[in-house]
Amino acid sequence: MPIQLAFKNEKLRQICESPISAKRKLGPVAGGSLHVRLADLRAADSPADLTDLGVAIYDPGSETRIVIPVDGGYRLLAEANHREAPGGPGALDWRQVTRVKIVDIEAVK
């Protein structure tokens, strides 16, 4: 079952769903790379697949967030988006995550 994506706000949804908007906002390199990474995320069985492949990392500051590097100097922040965390409170099992919310696209400092 592919991962279901949600978005923190309409602005993020527009950038993530429209390659043209992404390229206008982030530039041609990052805009194109963003859509490749989102396709990778949608195609994965879980976000853990992306971390296993080295395409994403778990955010060391948050148990429920992953960081996906995007070419062109950006990174995509996403978090598990389940009402109750798979694996129980305090023990998120990323292999069972099937719903992800895109919370930010930020420039890498």
Protein backbone atom coordinates (compact mmCIF):
# COMPACT_ATOMS: atom_id res chain seq x y z
CA MET A 1 0.00 0.00 0.00
CA PRO A 2 1.55 3.35 -0.99
CA ILE A 3 2.18 6.00 1.61
CA GLN A 4 -0.58 8.59 1.92
CA LEU A 5 0.64 12.18 2.03
CA ALA A 6 -0.89 15.12 3.85
CA PHE A 7 0.41 18.67 4.04
CA LYS A 8 0.77 21.19 6.85
CA ASN A 9 -0.84 23.91 4.73
CA GLU A 10 -2.08 24.78 1.26
CA LYS A 11 1.18 26.49 0.27
CA LEU A 12 3.16 23.28 0.87
CA ARG A 13 0.52 21.25 -0.96
CA GLN A 14 0.82 23.53 -4.01
CA ILE A 15 4.62 23.28 -4.09
CA CYS A 16 4.57 19.50 -3.62
CA GLU A 17 1.81 18.78 -6.12
CA SER A 18 2.84 21.18 -8.88
CA PRO A 19 6.27 20.78 -10.51
CA ILE A 20 5.91 24.27 -11.98
CA SER A 21 5.22 25.82 -8.54
CA ALA A 22 8.14 23.89 -7.05
CA LYS A 23 10.55 25.11 -9.72
CA ARG A 24 9.34 28.71 -9.36
CA LYS A 25 9.66 28.65 -5.56
CA LEU A 26 12.81 26.50 -5.14
CA GLY A 27 14.58 26.76 -8.49
CA PRO A 28 14.89 24.20 -11.28
CA VAL A 29 17.29 21.83 -9.51
CA ALA A 30 15.52 21.70 -6.15
CA GLY A 31 12.04 21.75 -7.72
CA GLY A 32 12.81 18.73 -9.87
CA SER A 33 14.57 16.90 -7.06
CA LEU A 34 11.66 17.54 -4.69
CA HIS A 35 9.26 15.75 -7.00
CA VAL A 36 11.62 12.81 -7.39
CA ARG A 37 11.87 12.48 -3.59
CA LEU A 38 8.09 12.73 -3.18
CA ALA A 39 7.66 10.00 -5.79
CA ASP A 40 10.16 7.86 -3.86
CA LEU A 41 8.18 8.46 -0.67
CA ARG A 42 4.83 7.63 -2.28
CA ALA A 43 6.25 4.43 -3.80
CA ALA A 44 7.81 3.16 -0.57
CA ASP A 45 6.06 0.69 1.70
CA SER A 46 7.13 2.83 4.65
CA PRO A 47 9.46 5.75 5.37
CA ALA A 48 11.87 3.20 6.84
CA ASP A 49 12.53 2.02 3.26
CA LEU A 50 13.92 5.46 2.41
CA THR A 51 16.19 5.50 5.45
CA ASP A 52 17.41 1.99 4.60
CA LEU A 53 18.33 3.21 1.11
CA GLY A 54 20.07 6.31 2.46
CA VAL A 55 17.56 8.67 0.84
CA ALA A 56 16.28 9.95 4.22
CA ILE A 57 17.37 10.08 7.84
CA TYR A 58 15.46 10.04 11.09
CA ASP A 59 15.42 13.50 12.65
CA PRO A 60 17.61 13.28 15.76
CA GLY A 61 15.51 16.00 17.41
CA SER A 62 12.14 14.28 16.92
CA GLU A 63 11.05 10.66 17.17
CA THR A 64 8.19 11.23 14.74
CA ARG A 65 10.02 13.10 11.96
CA ILE A 66 12.22 12.21 9.02
CA VAL A 67 14.45 14.48 6.95
CA ILE A 68 14.72 13.96 3.19
CA PRO A 69 17.57 15.86 1.49
CA VAL A 70 16.62 17.60 -1.76
CA ASP A 71 19.22 18.63 -4.34
CA GLY A 72 19.80 22.35 -4.67
CA GLY A 73 20.30 23.07 -0.97
CA TYR A 74 16.95 22.13 0.56
CA ARG A 75 15.49 19.44 2.77
CA LEU A 76 11.98 18.12 3.19
CA LEU A 77 10.68 17.55 6.72
CA ALA A 78 7.94 14.97 7.16
CA GLU A 79 6.34 13.36 10.18
CA ALA A 80 4.25 10.32 10.91
CA ASN A 81 0.60 11.28 10.56
CA HIS A 82 -1.34 8.62 12.44
CA ARG A 83 -3.89 9.28 15.14
CA GLU A 84 -2.11 6.72 17.29
CA ALA A 85 1.54 6.06 16.58
CA PRO A 86 2.18 2.58 15.16
CA GLY A 87 4.10 0.67 17.78
CA GLY A 88 2.54 2.52 20.71
CA PRO A 89 3.34 5.68 22.65
CA GLY A 90 7.05 6.49 22.75
CA ALA A 91 7.96 3.64 20.43
CA LEU A 92 7.09 4.67 16.86
CA ASP A 93 7.58 1.78 14.46
CA TRP A 94 8.52 3.48 11.16
CA ARG A 95 7.97 0.20 9.27
CA GLN A 96 4.25 0.46 10.06
CA VAL A 97 3.87 4.13 9.11
CA THR A 98 1.62 4.53 6.06
CA ARG A 99 0.53 8.15 6.55
CA VAL A 100 3.01 11.03 6.40
CA LYS A 101 2.51 14.78 6.73
CA ILE A 102 4.87 17.14 4.90
CA VAL A 103 5.55 19.88 7.45
CA ASP A 104 8.26 22.01 5.83
CA ILE A 105 10.70 22.52 3.00
CA GLU A 106 13.69 24.44 4.29
CA ALA A 107 17.01 25.64 2.99
CA VAL A 108 19.99 23.76 4.36
CA LYS A 109 22.22 26.05 6.38
